[in-house]
Amino acid sequence: MLAIIVYALMSWFPGAYQTGFGRFLGRIVEPFQSWFNFAHVGMLGFQPVVAIFVLGIIRSGLYYVEELLFRLLGWY
């Protein structure tokens, strides 16, 4: 989530995507964020917001599954 936020904030700085750090984050963030290219309103893109929302849902689901497994195995 932090990588998505930093990558989105880099758009405010000219040439930030062309730096080594920007290219590194692009290789990490762009493949996942490209799934949400539909999230546009005019010229505003909401891909980072949708991507963070989806990651939050996935994280909550994984915590729930982990808790269920721990209870089933008696470790919790």
PDB file of N, CA and C in Angstrom:
ATOM      1  N   MET A   1       0.828  -1.191   0.000  1.00  0.00           N
ATOM      2  CA  MET A   1       0.000   0.000   0.000  1.00  0.00           C
ATOM      3  C   MET A   1       0.873   1.255   0.000  1.00  0.00           C
ATOM      4  N   LEU A   2       1.951   1.199   0.773  1.00  0.00           N
ATOM      5  CA  LEU A   2       2.832   2.355   0.838  1.00  0.00           C
ATOM      6  C   LEU A   2       3.483   2.628  -0.516  1.00  0.00           C
ATOM      7  N   ALA A   3       3.844   1.583  -1.240  1.00  0.00           N
ATOM      8  CA  ALA A   3       4.448   1.755  -2.559  1.00  0.00           C
ATOM      9  C   ALA A   3       3.469   2.433  -3.519  1.00  0.00           C
ATOM     10  N   ILE A   4       2.197   2.081  -3.452  1.00  0.00           N
ATOM     11  CA  ILE A   4       1.185   2.699  -4.310  1.00  0.00           C
ATOM     12  C   ILE A   4       1.041   4.170  -3.967  1.00  0.00           C
ATOM     13  N   ILE A   5       1.023   4.490  -2.682  1.00  0.00           N
ATOM     14  CA  ILE A   5       0.885   5.888  -2.262  1.00  0.00           C
ATOM     15  C   ILE A   5       2.079   6.718  -2.718  1.00  0.00           C
ATOM     16  N   VAL A   6       3.284   6.199  -2.518  1.00  0.00           N
ATOM     17  CA  VAL A   6       4.483   6.932  -2.932  1.00  0.00           C
ATOM     18  C   VAL A   6       4.506   7.096  -4.444  1.00  0.00           C
ATOM     19  N   TYR A   7       4.138   6.063  -5.171  1.00  0.00           N
ATOM     20  CA  TYR A   7       4.125   6.132  -6.633  1.00  0.00           C
ATOM     21  C   TYR A   7       3.108   7.163  -7.119  1.00  0.00           C
ATOM     22  N   ALA A   8       1.960   7.238  -6.470  1.00  0.00           N
ATOM     23  CA  ALA A   8       0.950   8.230  -6.849  1.00  0.00           C
ATOM     24  C   ALA A   8       1.438   9.643  -6.538  1.00  0.00           C
ATOM     25  N   LEU A   9       2.098   9.831  -5.407  1.00  0.00           N
ATOM     26  CA  LEU A   9       2.598  11.161  -5.045  1.00  0.00           C
ATOM     27  C   LEU A   9       3.743  11.606  -5.953  1.00  0.00           C
ATOM     28  N   MET A  10       4.444  10.663  -6.556  1.00  0.00           N
ATOM     29  CA  MET A  10       5.534  11.010  -7.464  1.00  0.00           C
ATOM     30  C   MET A  10       5.022  11.731  -8.705  1.00  0.00           C
ATOM     31  N   SER A  11       3.744  11.598  -9.012  1.00  0.00           N
ATOM     32  CA  SER A  11       3.189  12.281 -10.178  1.00  0.00           C
ATOM     33  C   SER A  11       3.191  13.801  -9.994  1.00  0.00           C
ATOM     34  N   TRP A  12       3.322  14.276  -8.779  1.00  0.00           N
ATOM     35  CA  TRP A  12       3.351  15.715  -8.518  1.00  0.00           C
ATOM     36  C   TRP A  12       4.704  16.340  -8.839  1.00  0.00           C
ATOM     37  N   PHE A  13       5.728  15.513  -9.010  1.00  0.00           N
ATOM     38  CA  PHE A  13       7.082  16.013  -9.236  1.00  0.00           C
ATOM     39  C   PHE A  13       7.527  15.681 -10.656  1.00  0.00           C
ATOM     40  N   PRO A  14       7.869  16.700 -11.449  1.00  0.00           N
ATOM     41  CA  PRO A  14       8.290  16.439 -12.832  1.00  0.00           C
ATOM     42  C   PRO A  14       9.553  15.581 -12.877  1.00  0.00           C
ATOM     43  N   GLY A  15       9.533  14.570 -13.709  1.00  0.00           N
ATOM     44  CA  GLY A  15      10.689  13.713 -13.904  1.00  0.00           C
ATOM     45  C   GLY A  15      10.914  12.671 -12.828  1.00  0.00           C
ATOM     46  N   ALA A  16      10.016  12.570 -11.853  1.00  0.00           N
ATOM     47  CA  ALA A  16      10.220  11.617 -10.754  1.00  0.00           C
ATOM     48  C   ALA A  16      10.110  10.172 -11.228  1.00  0.00           C
ATOM     49  N   TYR A  17       9.289   9.929 -12.250  1.00  0.00           N
ATOM     50  CA  TYR A  17       9.135   8.562 -12.744  1.00  0.00           C
ATOM     51  C   TYR A  17      10.367   8.089 -13.514  1.00  0.00           C
ATOM     52  N   GLN A  18      11.190   9.014 -13.986  1.00  0.00           N
ATOM     53  CA  GLN A  18      12.369   8.640 -14.757  1.00  0.00           C
ATOM     54  C   GLN A  18      13.589   8.358 -13.887  1.00  0.00           C
ATOM     55  N   THR A  19      13.494   8.583 -12.597  1.00  0.00           N
ATOM     56  CA  THR A  19      14.611   8.277 -11.707  1.00  0.00           C
ATOM     57  C   THR A  19      14.690   6.773 -11.487  1.00  0.00           C
ATOM     58  N   GLY A  20      15.779   6.317 -10.932  1.00  0.00           N
ATOM     59  CA  GLY A  20      15.929   4.890 -10.645  1.00  0.00           C
ATOM     60  C   GLY A  20      14.866   4.392  -9.686  1.00  0.00           C
ATOM     61  N   PHE A  21      14.590   5.190  -8.659  1.00  0.00           N
ATOM     62  CA  PHE A  21      13.565   4.828  -7.679  1.00  0.00           C
ATOM     63  C   PHE A  21      12.184   4.795  -8.333  1.00  0.00           C
ATOM     64  N   GLY A  22      11.912   5.755  -9.201  1.00  0.00           N
ATOM     65  CA  GLY A  22      10.627   5.799  -9.892  1.00  0.00           C
ATOM     66  C   GLY A  22      10.424   4.604 -10.805  1.00  0.00           C
ATOM     67  N   ARG A  23      11.483   4.205 -11.524  1.00  0.00           N
ATOM     68  CA  ARG A  23      11.385   3.021 -12.385  1.00  0.00           C
ATOM     69  C   ARG A  23      11.197   1.754 -11.558  1.00  0.00           C
ATOM     70  N   PHE A  24      11.883   1.679 -10.407  1.00  0.00           N
ATOM     71  CA  PHE A  24      11.733   0.526  -9.513  1.00  0.00           C
ATOM     72  C   PHE A  24      10.296   0.417  -9.003  1.00  0.00           C
ATOM     73  N   LEU A  25       9.747   1.527  -8.518  1.00  0.00           N
ATOM     74  CA  LEU A  25       8.364   1.498  -8.038  1.00  0.00           C
ATOM     75  C   LEU A  25       7.393   1.198  -9.172  1.00  0.00           C
ATOM     76  N   GLY A  26       7.684   1.701 -10.360  1.00  0.00           N
ATOM     77  CA  GLY A  26       6.822   1.431 -11.501  1.00  0.00           C
ATOM     78  C   GLY A  26       6.738  -0.049 -11.821  1.00  0.00           C
ATOM     79  N   ARG A  27       7.872  -0.754 -11.706  1.00  0.00           N
ATOM     80  CA  ARG A  27       7.856  -2.200 -11.962  1.00  0.00           C
ATOM     81  C   ARG A  27       7.055  -2.949 -10.904  1.00  0.00           C
ATOM     82  N   ILE A  28       6.967  -2.402  -9.708  1.00  0.00           N
ATOM     83  CA  ILE A  28       6.213  -3.056  -8.638  1.00  0.00           C
ATOM     84  C   ILE A  28       4.731  -2.704  -8.712  1.00  0.00           C
ATOM     85  N   VAL A  29       4.433  -1.425  -8.890  1.00  0.00           N
ATOM     86  CA  VAL A  29       3.060  -0.921  -8.752  1.00  0.00           C
ATOM     87  C   VAL A  29       2.247  -1.058 -10.040  1.00  0.00           C
ATOM     88  N   GLU A  30       2.834  -0.752 -11.190  1.00  0.00           N
ATOM     89  CA  GLU A  30       2.079  -0.693 -12.437  1.00  0.00           C
ATOM     90  C   GLU A  30       1.365  -1.993 -12.813  1.00  0.00           C
ATOM     91  N   PRO A  31       1.974  -3.172 -12.678  1.00  0.00           N
ATOM     92  CA  PRO A  31       1.230  -4.390 -13.055  1.00  0.00           C
ATOM     93  C   PRO A  31      -0.067  -4.568 -12.269  1.00  0.00           C
ATOM     94  N   PHE A  32      -0.055  -4.285 -10.989  1.00  0.00           N
ATOM     95  CA  PHE A  32      -1.276  -4.419 -10.181  1.00  0.00           C
ATOM     96  C   PHE A  32      -2.244  -3.280 -10.463  1.00  0.00           C
ATOM     97  N   GLN A  33      -1.715  -2.082 -10.552  1.00  0.00           N
ATOM     98  CA  GLN A  33      -2.563  -0.911 -10.747  1.00  0.00           C
ATOM     99  C   GLN A  33      -3.199  -0.893 -12.134  1.00  0.00           C
ATOM    100  N   SER A  34      -2.599  -1.551 -13.097  1.00  0.00           N
ATOM    101  CA  SER A  34      -3.150  -1.566 -14.457  1.00  0.00           C
ATOM    102  C   SER A  34      -4.474  -2.333 -14.530  1.00  0.00           C
ATOM    103  N   TRP A  35      -4.759  -3.175 -13.564  1.00  0.00           N
ATOM    104  CA  TRP A  35      -6.048  -3.874 -13.535  1.00  0.00           C
ATOM    105  C   TRP A  35      -7.203  -2.900 -13.334  1.00  0.00           C
ATOM    106  N   PHE A  36      -6.908  -1.706 -12.834  1.00  0.00           N
ATOM    107  CA  PHE A  36      -7.958  -0.765 -12.473  1.00  0.00           C
ATOM    108  C   PHE A  36      -7.959   0.458 -13.388  1.00  0.00           C
ATOM    109  N   ASN A  37      -7.618   0.271 -14.666  1.00  0.00           N
ATOM    110  CA  ASN A  37      -7.608   1.377 -15.619  1.00  0.00           C
ATOM    111  C   ASN A  37      -8.995   1.939 -15.890  1.00  0.00           C
ATOM    112  N   PHE A  38     -10.029   1.242 -15.515  1.00  0.00           N
ATOM    113  CA  PHE A  38     -11.393   1.723 -15.714  1.00  0.00           C
ATOM    114  C   PHE A  38     -11.742   2.865 -14.768  1.00  0.00           C
ATOM    115  N   ALA A  39     -10.954   3.089 -13.747  1.00  0.00           N
ATOM    116  CA  ALA A  39     -11.289   4.057 -12.698  1.00  0.00           C
ATOM    117  C   ALA A  39     -10.846   5.468 -13.096  1.00  0.00           C
ATOM    118  N   HIS A  40     -11.509   6.029 -14.110  1.00  0.00           N
ATOM    119  CA  HIS A  40     -11.231   7.392 -14.561  1.00  0.00           C
ATOM    120  C   HIS A  40     -12.507   8.200 -14.521  1.00  0.00           C
ATOM    121  N   VAL A  41     -12.379   9.446 -14.118  1.00  0.00           N
ATOM    122  CA  VAL A  41     -13.456  10.417 -14.230  1.00  0.00           C
ATOM    123  C   VAL A  41     -12.839  11.622 -14.910  1.00  0.00           C
ATOM    124  N   GLY A  42     -13.121  11.782 -16.187  1.00  0.00           N
ATOM    125  CA  GLY A  42     -12.477  12.845 -16.952  1.00  0.00           C
ATOM    126  C   GLY A  42     -10.989  12.574 -17.048  1.00  0.00           C
ATOM    127  N   MET A  43     -10.199  13.535 -16.621  1.00  0.00           N
ATOM    128  CA  MET A  43      -8.751  13.370 -16.655  1.00  0.00           C
ATOM    129  C   MET A  43      -8.196  12.858 -15.326  1.00  0.00           C
ATOM    130  N   LEU A  44      -9.042  12.697 -14.339  1.00  0.00           N
ATOM    131  CA  LEU A  44      -8.594  12.196 -13.042  1.00  0.00           C
ATOM    132  C   LEU A  44      -8.633  10.677 -13.016  1.00  0.00           C
ATOM    133  N   GLY A  45      -7.532  10.095 -12.606  1.00  0.00           N
ATOM    134  CA  GLY A  45      -7.473   8.641 -12.480  1.00  0.00           C
ATOM    135  C   GLY A  45      -7.526   8.240 -11.021  1.00  0.00           C
ATOM    136  N   PHE A  46      -8.355   7.277 -10.729  1.00  0.00           N
ATOM    137  CA  PHE A  46      -8.520   6.807  -9.354  1.00  0.00           C
ATOM    138  C   PHE A  46      -7.966   5.399  -9.172  1.00  0.00           C
ATOM    139  N   GLN A  47      -7.048   4.983 -10.038  1.00  0.00           N
ATOM    140  CA  GLN A  47      -6.465   3.651  -9.931  1.00  0.00           C
ATOM    141  C   GLN A  47      -5.789   3.423  -8.588  1.00  0.00           C
ATOM    142  N   PRO A  48      -4.997   4.379  -8.064  1.00  0.00           N
ATOM    143  CA  PRO A  48      -4.364   4.129  -6.764  1.00  0.00           C
ATOM    144  C   PRO A  48      -5.379   3.936  -5.638  1.00  0.00           C
ATOM    145  N   VAL A  49      -6.456   4.688  -5.665  1.00  0.00           N
ATOM    146  CA  VAL A  49      -7.474   4.581  -4.618  1.00  0.00           C
ATOM    147  C   VAL A  49      -8.147   3.210  -4.675  1.00  0.00           C
ATOM    148  N   VAL A  50      -8.507   2.783  -5.880  1.00  0.00           N
ATOM    149  CA  VAL A  50      -9.158   1.484  -6.044  1.00  0.00           C
ATOM    150  C   VAL A  50      -8.193   0.359  -5.677  1.00  0.00           C
ATOM    151  N   ALA A  51      -6.926   0.492  -6.083  1.00  0.00           N
ATOM    152  CA  ALA A  51      -5.931  -0.542  -5.774  1.00  0.00           C
ATOM    153  C   ALA A  51      -5.731  -0.674  -4.265  1.00  0.00           C
ATOM    154  N   ILE A  52      -5.652   0.442  -3.551  1.00  0.00           N
ATOM    155  CA  ILE A  52      -5.491   0.395  -2.093  1.00  0.00           C
ATOM    156  C   ILE A  52      -6.730  -0.216  -1.438  1.00  0.00           C
ATOM    157  N   PHE A  53      -7.909   0.130  -1.944  1.00  0.00           N
ATOM    158  CA  PHE A  53      -9.147  -0.433  -1.420  1.00  0.00           C
ATOM    159  C   PHE A  53      -9.172  -1.948  -1.592  1.00  0.00           C
ATOM    160  N   VAL A  54      -8.792  -2.426  -2.773  1.00  0.00           N
ATOM    161  CA  VAL A  54      -8.780  -3.865  -3.046  1.00  0.00           C
ATOM    162  C   VAL A  54      -7.752  -4.560  -2.156  1.00  0.00           C
ATOM    163  N   LEU A  55      -6.576  -3.964  -2.001  1.00  0.00           N
ATOM    164  CA  LEU A  55      -5.568  -4.568  -1.120  1.00  0.00           C
ATOM    165  C   LEU A  55      -6.060  -4.634   0.326  1.00  0.00           C
ATOM    166  N   GLY A  56      -6.806  -3.634   0.763  1.00  0.00           N
ATOM    167  CA  GLY A  56      -7.377  -3.662   2.111  1.00  0.00           C
ATOM    168  C   GLY A  56      -8.371  -4.797   2.285  1.00  0.00           C
ATOM    169  N   ILE A  57      -9.192  -5.011   1.271  1.00  0.00           N
ATOM    170  CA  ILE A  57     -10.161  -6.115   1.328  1.00  0.00           C
ATOM    171  C   ILE A  57      -9.430  -7.456   1.355  1.00  0.00           C
ATOM    172  N   ILE A  58      -8.400  -7.595   0.529  1.00  0.00           N
ATOM    173  CA  ILE A  58      -7.629  -8.839   0.504  1.00  0.00           C
ATOM    174  C   ILE A  58      -6.955  -9.080   1.846  1.00  0.00           C
ATOM    175  N   ARG A  59      -6.381  -8.021   2.422  1.00  0.00           N
ATOM    176  CA  ARG A  59      -5.711  -8.161   3.714  1.00  0.00           C
ATOM    177  C   ARG A  59      -6.699  -8.585   4.798  1.00  0.00           C
ATOM    178  N   SER A  60      -7.880  -7.976   4.812  1.00  0.00           N
ATOM    179  CA  SER A  60      -8.894  -8.347   5.807  1.00  0.00           C
ATOM    180  C   SER A  60      -9.332  -9.794   5.633  1.00  0.00           C
ATOM    181  N   GLY A  61      -9.480 -10.215   4.385  1.00  0.00           N
ATOM    182  CA  GLY A  61      -9.866 -11.599   4.131  1.00  0.00           C
ATOM    183  C   GLY A  61      -8.802 -12.582   4.589  1.00  0.00           C
ATOM    184  N   LEU A  62      -7.539 -12.240   4.367  1.00  0.00           N
ATOM    185  CA  LEU A  62      -6.455 -13.122   4.809  1.00  0.00           C
ATOM    186  C   LEU A  62      -6.378 -13.199   6.329  1.00  0.00           C
ATOM    187  N   TYR A  63      -6.605 -12.078   7.012  1.00  0.00           N
ATOM    188  CA  TYR A  63      -6.635 -12.113   8.481  1.00  0.00           C
ATOM    189  C   TYR A  63      -7.768 -13.003   8.977  1.00  0.00           C
ATOM    190  N   TYR A  64      -8.910 -12.931   8.308  1.00  0.00           N
ATOM    191  CA  TYR A  64     -10.049 -13.749   8.701  1.00  0.00           C
ATOM    192  C   TYR A  64      -9.736 -15.232   8.514  1.00  0.00           C
ATOM    193  N   VAL A  65      -9.150 -15.597   7.382  1.00  0.00           N
ATOM    194  CA  VAL A  65      -8.795 -16.996   7.119  1.00  0.00           C
ATOM    195  C   VAL A  65      -7.758 -17.469   8.132  1.00  0.00           C
ATOM    196  N   GLU A  66      -6.781 -16.607   8.437  1.00  0.00           N
ATOM    197  CA  GLU A  66      -5.765 -16.965   9.428  1.00  0.00           C
ATOM    198  C   GLU A  66      -6.404 -17.241  10.789  1.00  0.00           C
ATOM    199  N   GLU A  67      -7.328 -16.396  11.188  1.00  0.00           N
ATOM    200  CA  GLU A  67      -7.992 -16.583  12.471  1.00  0.00           C
ATOM    201  C   GLU A  67      -8.801 -17.872  12.492  1.00  0.00           C
ATOM    202  N   LEU A  68      -9.479 -18.176  11.390  1.00  0.00           N
ATOM    203  CA  LEU A  68     -10.230 -19.427  11.318  1.00  0.00           C
ATOM    204  C   LEU A  68      -9.316 -20.636  11.432  1.00  0.00           C
ATOM    205  N   LEU A  69      -8.190 -20.600  10.725  1.00  0.00           N
ATOM    206  CA  LEU A  69      -7.256 -21.733  10.784  1.00  0.00           C
ATOM    207  C   LEU A  69      -6.689 -21.911  12.185  1.00  0.00           C
ATOM    208  N   PHE A  70      -6.339 -20.817  12.838  1.00  0.00           N
ATOM    209  CA  PHE A  70      -5.797 -20.918  14.194  1.00  0.00           C
ATOM    210  C   PHE A  70      -6.825 -21.489  15.158  1.00  0.00           C
ATOM    211  N   ARG A  71      -8.075 -21.107  14.993  1.00  0.00           N
ATOM    212  CA  ARG A  71      -9.113 -21.647  15.870  1.00  0.00           C
ATOM    213  C   ARG A  71      -9.353 -23.124  15.590  1.00  0.00           C
ATOM    214  N   LEU A  72      -9.327 -23.511  14.317  1.00  0.00           N
ATOM    215  CA  LEU A  72      -9.524 -24.920  13.974  1.00  0.00           C
ATOM    216  C   LEU A  72      -8.396 -25.792  14.506  1.00  0.00           C
ATOM    217  N   LEU A  73      -7.172 -25.269  14.463  1.00  0.00           N
ATOM    218  CA  LEU A  73      -6.028 -26.039  14.931  1.00  0.00           C
ATOM    219  C   LEU A  73      -5.811 -25.918  16.431  1.00  0.00           C
ATOM    220  N   GLY A  74      -6.574 -25.053  17.079  1.00  0.00           N
ATOM    221  CA  GLY A  74      -6.467 -24.899  18.529  1.00  0.00           C
ATOM    222  C   GLY A  74      -5.257 -24.092  18.968  1.00  0.00           C
ATOM    223  N   TRP A  75      -4.688 -23.300  18.081  1.00  0.00           N
ATOM    224  CA  TRP A  75      -3.514 -22.484  18.422  1.00  0.00           C
ATOM    225  C   TRP A  75      -3.904 -21.118  18.929  1.00  0.00           C
ATOM    226  N   TYR A  76      -5.164 -20.797  18.921  1.00  0.00           N
ATOM    227  CA  TYR A  76      -5.600 -19.436  19.250  1.00  0.00           C
ATOM    228  C   TYR A  76      -6.409 -19.423  20.503  1.00  0.00           C
TER     229      TYR A  76
END
